[in-house]
Amino acid sequence: MNHARQGSGGIGRIRPLLLIGIIAFLYLGIRMFPSFFNRFLDLDEEVFNYPDTEVQDYEEEELYFLPASKNANIIRHQFYALSYNEEHELAEWVAYELTRDQLNRNKIRREDNYRPDPKVKSKSATTYDYRGSGYDRGHLLPVGDRKFSFEAMNETFFMSNISPQERHFNGGIWRELEENVRDWARKYRKVYVVTGPVLTERRKDRIGKNKVSVPKSFYKVILDISEPELKGIGFIIPNETSEKPLYEYAVSIDEVEELTGINFFPDLMEEELERKLESKVNSRLWDFDKRRFETRVSVWNVR
């Protein structure tokens, strides 16, 4: 009987040590391999890695930076919102905030997961529409803007966030613009971004069973309303290879609104400030990376 009690006591001492070992293993695993453990354990990365950071949930928030448009079929995902145009099987706009905090977080490794958007009631385009078309599946909200968590990155692969883009447009000047926007978000702390295809122009083509429109051009508008220097800028860029500097495509937000028929920030600012920031553009207020342009022309455009 005494031997049995001693054996039981030994096991009792081992169990707490085993529990401590399991807790230590999980903690170190979550810190060192967050994306794997997030998916394996269905955990929220921010809970463990970023207790003081702000996480947006567009599904529940009232979003005062969303555009207004006639064909608005607004869909809110957790990390961005969009308006889907069934006629073209494309989003007419995708809107989101991009912050320095998001970009400074650990980077999740990219894992492609293109799939139809289940929130589009009329059904979105599919990845099969792009097969053999000669066009890239070009992101509107880029993967690089949402690498702070697996869930955020994964949402960018909904086909409602994808548009047909010429290869050297997608991997060239569009990539350059996306990388510059990330630079501006880091510098100015937070920017508002709205981007999409220009659907008021005659399309270049249609592809796939769902007849997805191939846009002639794409736009992007960026707004910085953080003190001390408030400013806005827009871009309209043809869906083709470009050898021109990015700043040559810079226009006012008003010009993009006139072309697209979309009112981009109707509820975000006072009307007077909106008129001031949207009516003109000063590209000198926005830093353009010269070396990135040179890389685009000499490397990205030819590979």
C-alpha atoms as a PDB file:
ATOM      1  CA  MET A   1       0.000   0.000   0.000  1.00  0.00           C
ATOM      2  CA  ASN A   2       2.860   2.357   0.843  1.00  0.00           C
ATOM      3  CA  HIS A   3       4.516   1.575  -2.510  1.00  0.00           C
ATOM      4  CA  ALA A   4       1.286   2.363  -4.329  1.00  0.00           C
ATOM      5  CA  ARG A   5       1.019   5.710  -2.599  1.00  0.00           C
ATOM      6  CA  GLN A   6       4.613   6.578  -3.459  1.00  0.00           C
ATOM      7  CA  GLY A   7       3.982   5.679  -7.112  1.00  0.00           C
ATOM      8  CA  SER A   8       0.875   7.818  -7.213  1.00  0.00           C
ATOM      9  CA  GLY A   9       2.769  10.703  -5.690  1.00  0.00           C
ATOM     10  CA  GLY A  10       5.448  10.407  -8.370  1.00  0.00           C
ATOM     11  CA  ILE A  11       2.872  10.557 -11.126  1.00  0.00           C
ATOM     12  CA  GLY A  12       1.240  13.517  -9.411  1.00  0.00           C
ATOM     13  CA  ARG A  13       4.540  15.390  -9.498  1.00  0.00           C
ATOM     14  CA  ILE A  14       5.061  14.568 -13.170  1.00  0.00           C
ATOM     15  CA  ARG A  15       1.657  15.889 -14.292  1.00  0.00           C
ATOM     16  CA  PRO A  16       2.295  19.557 -13.330  1.00  0.00           C
ATOM     17  CA  LEU A  17       5.686  19.390 -15.080  1.00  0.00           C
ATOM     18  CA  LEU A  18       4.015  17.949 -18.184  1.00  0.00           C
ATOM     19  CA  LEU A  19       1.397  20.707 -18.137  1.00  0.00           C
ATOM     20  CA  ILE A  20       4.083  23.375 -17.796  1.00  0.00           C
ATOM     21  CA  GLY A  21       5.958  21.797 -20.713  1.00  0.00           C
ATOM     22  CA  ILE A  22       2.864  21.851 -22.938  1.00  0.00           C
ATOM     23  CA  ILE A  23       2.160  25.495 -22.084  1.00  0.00           C
ATOM     24  CA  ALA A  24       5.778  26.448 -22.801  1.00  0.00           C
ATOM     25  CA  PHE A  25       5.696  24.563 -26.125  1.00  0.00           C
ATOM     26  CA  LEU A  26       2.504  26.310 -27.238  1.00  0.00           C
ATOM     27  CA  TYR A  27       3.762  29.723 -26.184  1.00  0.00           C
ATOM     28  CA  LEU A  28       7.091  29.380 -27.989  1.00  0.00           C
ATOM     29  CA  GLY A  29       5.389  27.865 -31.027  1.00  0.00           C
ATOM     30  CA  ILE A  30       2.904  30.715 -31.288  1.00  0.00           C
ATOM     31  CA  ARG A  31       5.694  33.282 -30.978  1.00  0.00           C
ATOM     32  CA  MET A  32       7.991  31.587 -33.507  1.00  0.00           C
ATOM     33  CA  PHE A  33       5.476  30.150 -35.994  1.00  0.00           C
ATOM     34  CA  PRO A  34       2.325  32.299 -35.676  1.00  0.00           C
ATOM     35  CA  SER A  35       0.676  31.511 -39.016  1.00  0.00           C
ATOM     36  CA  PHE A  36       0.937  27.729 -38.512  1.00  0.00           C
ATOM     37  CA  PHE A  37      -0.408  27.785 -34.970  1.00  0.00           C
ATOM     38  CA  ASN A  38      -3.153  30.270 -35.884  1.00  0.00           C
ATOM     39  CA  ARG A  39      -4.568  27.866 -38.431  1.00  0.00           C
ATOM     40  CA  PHE A  40      -3.878  24.704 -36.432  1.00  0.00           C
ATOM     41  CA  LEU A  41      -5.424  26.005 -33.223  1.00  0.00           C
ATOM     42  CA  ASP A  42      -7.824  28.550 -34.797  1.00  0.00           C
ATOM     43  CA  LEU A  43      -6.299  31.352 -32.724  1.00  0.00           C
ATOM     44  CA  ASP A  44      -6.232  35.078 -33.351  1.00  0.00           C
ATOM     45  CA  GLU A  45      -2.650  36.149 -33.975  1.00  0.00           C
ATOM     46  CA  GLU A  46      -3.149  39.613 -32.528  1.00  0.00           C
ATOM     47  CA  VAL A  47      -4.140  38.185 -29.134  1.00  0.00           C
ATOM     48  CA  PHE A  48      -0.661  36.715 -28.670  1.00  0.00           C
ATOM     49  CA  ASN A  49       1.633  38.923 -30.729  1.00  0.00           C
ATOM     50  CA  TYR A  50       0.095  42.377 -30.746  1.00  0.00           C
ATOM     51  CA  PRO A  51      -1.943  43.070 -27.607  1.00  0.00           C
ATOM     52  CA  ASP A  52      -1.728  46.851 -28.063  1.00  0.00           C
ATOM     53  CA  THR A  53      -2.474  47.075 -31.798  1.00  0.00           C
ATOM     54  CA  GLU A  54      -5.702  48.138 -33.415  1.00  0.00           C
ATOM     55  CA  VAL A  55      -7.545  45.504 -35.450  1.00  0.00           C
ATOM     56  CA  GLN A  56     -10.253  46.646 -37.855  1.00  0.00           C
ATOM     57  CA  ASP A  57     -13.410  44.672 -38.418  1.00  0.00           C
ATOM     58  CA  TYR A  58     -15.210  46.108 -41.416  1.00  0.00           C
ATOM     59  CA  GLU A  59     -18.088  43.659 -40.999  1.00  0.00           C
ATOM     60  CA  GLU A  60     -19.275  45.403 -37.854  1.00  0.00           C
ATOM     61  CA  GLU A  61     -17.952  48.983 -38.076  1.00  0.00           C
ATOM     62  CA  GLU A  62     -19.774  51.969 -39.506  1.00  0.00           C
ATOM     63  CA  LEU A  63     -17.341  52.970 -42.240  1.00  0.00           C
ATOM     64  CA  TYR A  64     -17.369  56.674 -42.926  1.00  0.00           C
ATOM     65  CA  PHE A  65     -14.687  56.515 -45.621  1.00  0.00           C
ATOM     66  CA  LEU A  66     -16.652  54.346 -48.085  1.00  0.00           C
ATOM     67  CA  PRO A  67     -17.476  55.775 -51.532  1.00  0.00           C
ATOM     68  CA  ALA A  68     -20.946  56.457 -52.862  1.00  0.00           C
ATOM     69  CA  SER A  69     -21.963  55.217 -56.326  1.00  0.00           C
ATOM     70  CA  LYS A  70     -25.114  54.461 -58.291  1.00  0.00           C
ATOM     71  CA  ASN A  71     -24.493  50.723 -58.613  1.00  0.00           C
ATOM     72  CA  ALA A  72     -23.406  50.205 -55.034  1.00  0.00           C
ATOM     73  CA  ASN A  73     -23.683  46.553 -54.039  1.00  0.00           C
ATOM     74  CA  ILE A  74     -21.581  46.941 -50.923  1.00  0.00           C
ATOM     75  CA  ILE A  75     -19.932  43.898 -49.388  1.00  0.00           C
ATOM     76  CA  ARG A  76     -18.030  44.128 -46.131  1.00  0.00           C
ATOM     77  CA  HIS A  77     -15.323  41.650 -45.348  1.00  0.00           C
ATOM     78  CA  GLN A  78     -13.438  41.691 -42.099  1.00  0.00           C
ATOM     79  CA  PHE A  79     -10.507  43.718 -43.421  1.00  0.00           C
ATOM     80  CA  TYR A  80     -11.897  45.707 -46.380  1.00  0.00           C
ATOM     81  CA  ALA A  81     -15.091  46.641 -48.185  1.00  0.00           C
ATOM     82  CA  LEU A  82     -16.055  46.632 -51.869  1.00  0.00           C
ATOM     83  CA  SER A  83     -18.881  47.368 -54.274  1.00  0.00           C
ATOM     84  CA  TYR A  84     -19.514  44.547 -56.763  1.00  0.00           C
ATOM     85  CA  ASN A  85     -20.706  45.264 -60.305  1.00  0.00           C
ATOM     86  CA  GLU A  86     -22.524  42.208 -61.649  1.00  0.00           C
ATOM     87  CA  GLU A  87     -22.539  43.445 -65.262  1.00  0.00           C
ATOM     88  CA  HIS A  88     -18.749  43.412 -65.382  1.00  0.00           C
ATOM     89  CA  GLU A  89     -18.183  40.665 -62.756  1.00  0.00           C
ATOM     90  CA  LEU A  90     -15.728  43.013 -61.053  1.00  0.00           C
ATOM     91  CA  ALA A  91     -15.595  45.257 -58.037  1.00  0.00           C
ATOM     92  CA  GLU A  92     -16.114  48.859 -59.092  1.00  0.00           C
ATOM     93  CA  TRP A  93     -14.213  49.889 -55.979  1.00  0.00           C
ATOM     94  CA  VAL A  94     -12.341  48.366 -53.056  1.00  0.00           C
ATOM     95  CA  ALA A  95     -11.837  50.594 -50.000  1.00  0.00           C
ATOM     96  CA  TYR A  96      -9.667  50.199 -46.919  1.00  0.00           C
ATOM     97  CA  GLU A  97      -7.401  51.917 -44.430  1.00  0.00           C
ATOM     98  CA  LEU A  98      -3.675  51.229 -44.543  1.00  0.00           C
ATOM     99  CA  THR A  99      -1.644  52.039 -41.442  1.00  0.00           C
ATOM    100  CA  ARG A 100       1.970  52.089 -40.365  1.00  0.00           C
ATOM    101  CA  ASP A 101       1.054  49.740 -37.534  1.00  0.00           C
ATOM    102  CA  GLN A 102      -0.269  47.097 -39.944  1.00  0.00           C
ATOM    103  CA  LEU A 103       2.815  47.267 -42.132  1.00  0.00           C
ATOM    104  CA  ASN A 104       5.225  47.057 -39.201  1.00  0.00           C
ATOM    105  CA  ARG A 105       3.818  43.781 -37.936  1.00  0.00           C
ATOM    106  CA  ASN A 106       5.350  40.384 -38.661  1.00  0.00           C
ATOM    107  CA  LYS A 107       4.843  39.294 -42.239  1.00  0.00           C
ATOM    108  CA  ILE A 108       2.733  36.217 -42.963  1.00  0.00           C
ATOM    109  CA  ARG A 109       4.089  34.055 -45.780  1.00  0.00           C
ATOM    110  CA  ARG A 110       1.939  34.383 -48.912  1.00  0.00           C
ATOM    111  CA  GLU A 111      -0.295  31.409 -49.669  1.00  0.00           C
ATOM    112  CA  ASP A 112      -2.471  31.761 -52.794  1.00  0.00           C
ATOM    113  CA  ASN A 113      -6.093  30.821 -52.266  1.00  0.00           C
ATOM    114  CA  TYR A 114      -8.088  32.289 -55.175  1.00  0.00           C
ATOM    115  CA  ARG A 115     -11.785  31.472 -54.747  1.00  0.00           C
ATOM    116  CA  PRO A 116     -15.267  32.894 -55.432  1.00  0.00           C
ATOM    117  CA  ASP A 117     -16.593  35.445 -52.970  1.00  0.00           C
ATOM    118  CA  PRO A 118     -19.409  33.780 -50.978  1.00  0.00           C
ATOM    119  CA  LYS A 119     -20.881  37.175 -50.066  1.00  0.00           C
ATOM    120  CA  VAL A 120     -21.680  38.055 -53.686  1.00  0.00           C
ATOM    121  CA  LYS A 121     -25.289  36.873 -53.891  1.00  0.00           C
ATOM    122  CA  SER A 122     -25.311  36.857 -57.696  1.00  0.00           C
ATOM    123  CA  LYS A 123     -22.046  34.843 -57.610  1.00  0.00           C
ATOM    124  CA  SER A 124     -18.673  36.333 -58.367  1.00  0.00           C
ATOM    125  CA  ALA A 125     -16.244  35.454 -61.125  1.00  0.00           C
ATOM    126  CA  THR A 126     -14.147  32.330 -60.626  1.00  0.00           C
ATOM    127  CA  THR A 127     -10.490  31.571 -61.185  1.00  0.00           C
ATOM    128  CA  TYR A 128     -11.510  29.419 -64.187  1.00  0.00           C
ATOM    129  CA  ASP A 129     -12.576  32.594 -66.021  1.00  0.00           C
ATOM    130  CA  TYR A 130      -8.920  33.604 -66.174  1.00  0.00           C
ATOM    131  CA  ARG A 131      -7.462  30.311 -67.381  1.00  0.00           C
ATOM    132  CA  GLY A 132      -5.940  30.583 -70.836  1.00  0.00           C
ATOM    133  CA  SER A 133      -7.009  34.230 -71.107  1.00  0.00           C
ATOM    134  CA  GLY A 134      -3.508  35.675 -71.137  1.00  0.00           C
ATOM    135  CA  TYR A 135      -4.385  38.026 -68.271  1.00  0.00           C
ATOM    136  CA  ASP A 136      -3.121  38.003 -64.701  1.00  0.00           C
ATOM    137  CA  ARG A 137      -5.443  37.721 -61.729  1.00  0.00           C
ATOM    138  CA  GLY A 138      -4.583  41.217 -60.527  1.00  0.00           C
ATOM    139  CA  HIS A 139      -5.324  42.232 -56.943  1.00  0.00           C
ATOM    140  CA  LEU A 140      -7.106  45.490 -56.165  1.00  0.00           C
ATOM    141  CA  LEU A 141      -6.337  45.321 -52.443  1.00  0.00           C
ATOM    142  CA  PRO A 142      -2.795  43.905 -52.681  1.00  0.00           C
ATOM    143  CA  VAL A 143      -1.638  40.944 -50.639  1.00  0.00           C
ATOM    144  CA  GLY A 144       1.263  43.049 -49.333  1.00  0.00           C
ATOM    145  CA  ASP A 145      -1.156  45.415 -47.587  1.00  0.00           C
ATOM    146  CA  ARG A 146      -2.713  42.612 -45.554  1.00  0.00           C
ATOM    147  CA  LYS A 147       0.180  40.415 -44.427  1.00  0.00           C
ATOM    148  CA  PHE A 148      -0.300  41.221 -40.753  1.00  0.00           C
ATOM    149  CA  SER A 149      -2.473  38.110 -40.227  1.00  0.00           C
ATOM    150  CA  PHE A 150      -3.374  34.970 -42.129  1.00  0.00           C
ATOM    151  CA  GLU A 151      -7.083  35.876 -42.082  1.00  0.00           C
ATOM    152  CA  ALA A 152      -6.444  39.334 -43.536  1.00  0.00           C
ATOM    153  CA  MET A 153      -4.165  38.006 -46.276  1.00  0.00           C
ATOM    154  CA  ASN A 154      -6.540  35.170 -47.114  1.00  0.00           C
ATOM    155  CA  GLU A 155      -9.413  37.616 -47.727  1.00  0.00           C
ATOM    156  CA  THR A 156      -7.494  39.321 -50.533  1.00  0.00           C
ATOM    157  CA  PHE A 157      -7.867  36.167 -52.671  1.00  0.00           C
ATOM    158  CA  PHE A 158     -11.648  36.466 -53.042  1.00  0.00           C
ATOM    159  CA  MET A 159     -12.306  36.807 -56.783  1.00  0.00           C
ATOM    160  CA  SER A 160     -14.327  39.965 -56.101  1.00  0.00           C
ATOM    161  CA  ASN A 161     -10.962  41.591 -55.278  1.00  0.00           C
ATOM    162  CA  ILE A 162      -9.411  40.406 -58.558  1.00  0.00           C
ATOM    163  CA  SER A 163      -9.417  42.017 -62.023  1.00  0.00           C
ATOM    164  CA  PRO A 164      -7.886  40.956 -65.374  1.00  0.00           C
ATOM    165  CA  GLN A 165      -4.586  42.778 -65.812  1.00  0.00           C
ATOM    166  CA  GLU A 166      -1.900  42.690 -68.460  1.00  0.00           C
ATOM    167  CA  ARG A 167       1.110  40.820 -67.108  1.00  0.00           C
ATOM    168  CA  HIS A 168       3.586  43.699 -67.230  1.00  0.00           C
ATOM    169  CA  PHE A 169       1.004  46.134 -65.919  1.00  0.00           C
ATOM    170  CA  ASN A 170       0.264  43.939 -62.898  1.00  0.00           C
ATOM    171  CA  GLY A 171       3.923  43.147 -62.244  1.00  0.00           C
ATOM    172  CA  GLY A 172       5.135  46.564 -63.409  1.00  0.00           C
ATOM    173  CA  ILE A 173       3.625  49.984 -62.822  1.00  0.00           C
ATOM    174  CA  TRP A 174       0.695  48.649 -60.716  1.00  0.00           C
ATOM    175  CA  ARG A 175       3.189  46.920 -58.433  1.00  0.00           C
ATOM    176  CA  GLU A 176       5.252  50.107 -58.250  1.00  0.00           C
ATOM    177  CA  LEU A 177       2.190  52.118 -57.240  1.00  0.00           C
ATOM    178  CA  GLU A 178       1.234  49.568 -54.570  1.00  0.00           C
ATOM    179  CA  GLU A 179       4.735  49.676 -53.078  1.00  0.00           C
ATOM    180  CA  ASN A 180       4.731  53.482 -53.079  1.00  0.00           C
ATOM    181  CA  VAL A 181       1.389  53.492 -51.252  1.00  0.00           C
ATOM    182  CA  ARG A 182       2.924  51.317 -48.545  1.00  0.00           C
ATOM    183  CA  ASP A 183       5.801  53.793 -48.272  1.00  0.00           C
ATOM    184  CA  TRP A 184       3.300  56.635 -47.824  1.00  0.00           C
ATOM    185  CA  ALA A 185       1.331  54.739 -45.181  1.00  0.00           C
ATOM    186  CA  ARG A 186       4.529  54.182 -43.198  1.00  0.00           C
ATOM    187  CA  LYS A 187       5.531  57.839 -43.528  1.00  0.00           C
ATOM    188  CA  TYR A 188       2.135  59.430 -42.818  1.00  0.00           C
ATOM    189  CA  ARG A 189       0.906  56.848 -40.256  1.00  0.00           C
ATOM    190  CA  LYS A 190      -2.424  56.178 -41.989  1.00  0.00           C
ATOM    191  CA  VAL A 191      -3.883  56.625 -45.466  1.00  0.00           C
ATOM    192  CA  TYR A 192      -7.299  55.878 -46.935  1.00  0.00           C
ATOM    193  CA  VAL A 193      -7.203  53.972 -50.217  1.00  0.00           C
ATOM    194  CA  VAL A 194      -9.904  53.355 -52.830  1.00  0.00           C
ATOM    195  CA  THR A 195      -8.995  51.447 -55.976  1.00  0.00           C
ATOM    196  CA  GLY A 196     -10.591  49.639 -58.879  1.00  0.00           C
ATOM    197  CA  PRO A 197     -11.054  49.280 -62.636  1.00  0.00           C
ATOM    198  CA  VAL A 198     -12.449  52.123 -64.717  1.00  0.00           C
ATOM    199  CA  LEU A 199     -15.784  50.645 -65.802  1.00  0.00           C
ATOM    200  CA  THR A 200     -17.110  53.740 -67.608  1.00  0.00           C
ATOM    201  CA  GLU A 201     -14.683  53.224 -70.502  1.00  0.00           C
ATOM    202  CA  ARG A 202     -15.170  50.734 -73.284  1.00  0.00           C
ATOM    203  CA  ARG A 203     -13.657  47.457 -72.118  1.00  0.00           C
ATOM    204  CA  LYS A 204     -10.718  45.822 -73.879  1.00  0.00           C
ATOM    205  CA  ASP A 205     -12.228  42.329 -73.875  1.00  0.00           C
ATOM    206  CA  ARG A 206     -14.328  39.786 -71.996  1.00  0.00           C
ATOM    207  CA  ILE A 207     -12.968  36.534 -70.638  1.00  0.00           C
ATOM    208  CA  GLY A 208     -14.279  33.259 -69.269  1.00  0.00           C
ATOM    209  CA  LYS A 209     -17.664  31.661 -68.872  1.00  0.00           C
ATOM    210  CA  ASN A 210     -18.813  34.585 -66.709  1.00  0.00           C
ATOM    211  CA  LYS A 211     -17.766  37.167 -69.334  1.00  0.00           C
ATOM    212  CA  VAL A 212     -15.518  39.115 -66.996  1.00  0.00           C
ATOM    213  CA  SER A 213     -14.726  42.566 -68.393  1.00  0.00           C
ATOM    214  CA  VAL A 214     -11.099  43.409 -69.110  1.00  0.00           C
ATOM    215  CA  PRO A 215     -10.690  47.105 -68.184  1.00  0.00           C
ATOM    216  CA  LYS A 216      -8.753  49.556 -70.316  1.00  0.00           C
ATOM    217  CA  SER A 217      -7.425  51.285 -67.217  1.00  0.00           C
ATOM    218  CA  PHE A 218      -7.358  51.246 -63.430  1.00  0.00           C
ATOM    219  CA  TYR A 219      -7.496  53.966 -60.801  1.00  0.00           C
ATOM    220  CA  LYS A 220      -6.314  54.455 -57.254  1.00  0.00           C
ATOM    221  CA  VAL A 221      -6.991  57.362 -54.903  1.00  0.00           C
ATOM    222  CA  ILE A 222      -5.058  57.944 -51.683  1.00  0.00           C
ATOM    223  CA  LEU A 223      -6.001  60.361 -48.922  1.00  0.00           C
ATOM    224  CA  ASP A 224      -3.890  61.501 -45.979  1.00  0.00           C
ATOM    225  CA  ILE A 225      -5.817  63.524 -43.393  1.00  0.00           C
ATOM    226  CA  SER A 226      -3.293  63.272 -40.565  1.00  0.00           C
ATOM    227  CA  GLU A 227      -1.837  66.534 -39.292  1.00  0.00           C
ATOM    228  CA  PRO A 228       0.118  68.538 -40.133  1.00  0.00           C
ATOM    229  CA  GLU A 229      -0.083  68.193 -43.930  1.00  0.00           C
ATOM    230  CA  LEU A 230      -3.434  67.012 -45.302  1.00  0.00           C
ATOM    231  CA  LYS A 231      -3.405  65.931 -48.929  1.00  0.00           C
ATOM    232  CA  GLY A 232      -4.919  63.668 -51.562  1.00  0.00           C
ATOM    233  CA  ILE A 233      -3.782  62.177 -54.855  1.00  0.00           C
ATOM    234  CA  GLY A 234      -5.285  60.051 -57.612  1.00  0.00           C
ATOM    235  CA  PHE A 235      -3.926  57.881 -60.421  1.00  0.00           C
ATOM    236  CA  ILE A 236      -5.452  56.700 -63.699  1.00  0.00           C
ATOM    237  CA  ILE A 237      -3.188  54.181 -65.431  1.00  0.00           C
ATOM    238  CA  PRO A 238      -3.794  52.255 -68.690  1.00  0.00           C
ATOM    239  CA  ASN A 239      -3.884  48.472 -68.370  1.00  0.00           C
ATOM    240  CA  GLU A 240      -0.658  47.977 -70.328  1.00  0.00           C
ATOM    241  CA  THR A 241       3.114  48.061 -69.981  1.00  0.00           C
ATOM    242  CA  SER A 242       4.397  51.530 -69.151  1.00  0.00           C
ATOM    243  CA  GLU A 243       7.822  53.140 -69.452  1.00  0.00           C
ATOM    244  CA  LYS A 244       6.664  56.452 -67.964  1.00  0.00           C
ATOM    245  CA  PRO A 245       7.380  57.644 -64.416  1.00  0.00           C
ATOM    246  CA  LEU A 246       4.523  56.993 -62.032  1.00  0.00           C
ATOM    247  CA  TYR A 247       4.002  60.669 -61.171  1.00  0.00           C
ATOM    248  CA  GLU A 248       3.021  61.384 -64.794  1.00  0.00           C
ATOM    249  CA  TYR A 249      -0.222  59.484 -64.112  1.00  0.00           C
ATOM    250  CA  ALA A 250      -1.048  61.535 -61.014  1.00  0.00           C
ATOM    251  CA  VAL A 251      -4.343  63.444 -61.155  1.00  0.00           C
ATOM    252  CA  SER A 252      -6.707  65.072 -58.688  1.00  0.00           C
ATOM    253  CA  ILE A 253      -9.296  62.958 -56.900  1.00  0.00           C
ATOM    254  CA  ASP A 254     -11.961  65.069 -58.598  1.00  0.00           C
ATOM    255  CA  GLU A 255     -10.661  63.919 -61.992  1.00  0.00           C
ATOM    256  CA  VAL A 256     -10.961  60.284 -60.963  1.00  0.00           C
ATOM    257  CA  GLU A 257     -14.492  60.929 -59.677  1.00  0.00           C
ATOM    258  CA  GLU A 258     -15.468  62.563 -62.979  1.00  0.00           C
ATOM    259  CA  LEU A 259     -14.156  59.616 -65.000  1.00  0.00           C
ATOM    260  CA  THR A 260     -15.601  56.841 -62.820  1.00  0.00           C
ATOM    261  CA  GLY A 261     -18.820  58.460 -61.581  1.00  0.00           C
ATOM    262  CA  ILE A 262     -17.862  57.536 -58.003  1.00  0.00           C
ATOM    263  CA  ASN A 263     -17.902  59.951 -55.065  1.00  0.00           C
ATOM    264  CA  PHE A 264     -14.993  58.666 -53.008  1.00  0.00           C
ATOM    265  CA  PHE A 265     -15.120  60.265 -49.562  1.00  0.00           C
ATOM    266  CA  PRO A 266     -18.592  61.802 -49.107  1.00  0.00           C
ATOM    267  CA  ASP A 267     -18.835  61.247 -45.334  1.00  0.00           C
ATOM    268  CA  LEU A 268     -15.241  61.386 -44.171  1.00  0.00           C
ATOM    269  CA  MET A 269     -14.598  65.144 -44.122  1.00  0.00           C
ATOM    270  CA  GLU A 270     -16.302  68.496 -43.914  1.00  0.00           C
ATOM    271  CA  GLU A 271     -17.453  69.611 -47.351  1.00  0.00           C
ATOM    272  CA  GLU A 272     -15.013  72.526 -47.511  1.00  0.00           C
ATOM    273  CA  LEU A 273     -12.030  70.316 -46.691  1.00  0.00           C
ATOM    274  CA  GLU A 274     -13.223  67.705 -49.183  1.00  0.00           C
ATOM    275  CA  ARG A 275     -13.323  70.301 -51.964  1.00  0.00           C
ATOM    276  CA  LYS A 276      -9.855  71.542 -51.061  1.00  0.00           C
ATOM    277  CA  LEU A 277      -8.177  68.141 -50.956  1.00  0.00           C
ATOM    278  CA  GLU A 278      -9.931  66.623 -53.958  1.00  0.00           C
ATOM    279  CA  SER A 279      -9.798  69.516 -56.404  1.00  0.00           C
ATOM    280  CA  LYS A 280      -6.057  69.626 -56.997  1.00  0.00           C
ATOM    281  CA  VAL A 281      -2.958  67.511 -56.684  1.00  0.00           C
ATOM    282  CA  ASN A 282       0.608  68.416 -55.823  1.00  0.00           C
ATOM    283  CA  SER A 283       2.746  65.387 -56.614  1.00  0.00           C
ATOM    284  CA  ARG A 284       5.716  67.026 -54.882  1.00  0.00           C
ATOM    285  CA  LEU A 285       4.004  66.327 -51.553  1.00  0.00           C
ATOM    286  CA  TRP A 286       4.264  62.589 -52.262  1.00  0.00           C
ATOM    287  CA  ASP A 287       7.662  60.890 -52.409  1.00  0.00           C
ATOM    288  CA  PHE A 288       8.189  58.733 -55.505  1.00  0.00           C
ATOM    289  CA  ASP A 289      10.974  56.163 -55.305  1.00  0.00           C
ATOM    290  CA  LYS A 290      13.243  56.778 -58.303  1.00  0.00           C
ATOM    291  CA  ARG A 291      15.155  53.515 -57.896  1.00  0.00           C
ATOM    292  CA  ARG A 292      11.889  51.580 -57.886  1.00  0.00           C
ATOM    293  CA  PHE A 293      10.914  53.224 -61.179  1.00  0.00           C
ATOM    294  CA  GLU A 294      14.282  52.276 -62.679  1.00  0.00           C
ATOM    295  CA  THR A 295      13.841  48.688 -61.490  1.00  0.00           C
ATOM    296  CA  ARG A 296      10.375  48.569 -63.031  1.00  0.00           C
ATOM    297  CA  VAL A 297      11.587  49.721 -66.442  1.00  0.00           C
ATOM    298  CA  SER A 298      14.758  47.610 -66.554  1.00  0.00           C
ATOM    299  CA  VAL A 299      13.600  44.444 -64.748  1.00  0.00           C
ATOM    300  CA  TRP A 300       9.877  44.128 -64.022  1.00  0.00           C
ATOM    301  CA  ASN A 301       8.753  45.180 -67.514  1.00  0.00           C
ATOM    302  CA  VAL A 302      10.878  42.635 -69.322  1.00  0.00           C
ATOM    303  CA  ARG A 303      10.781  39.447 -67.316  1.00  0.00           C
END
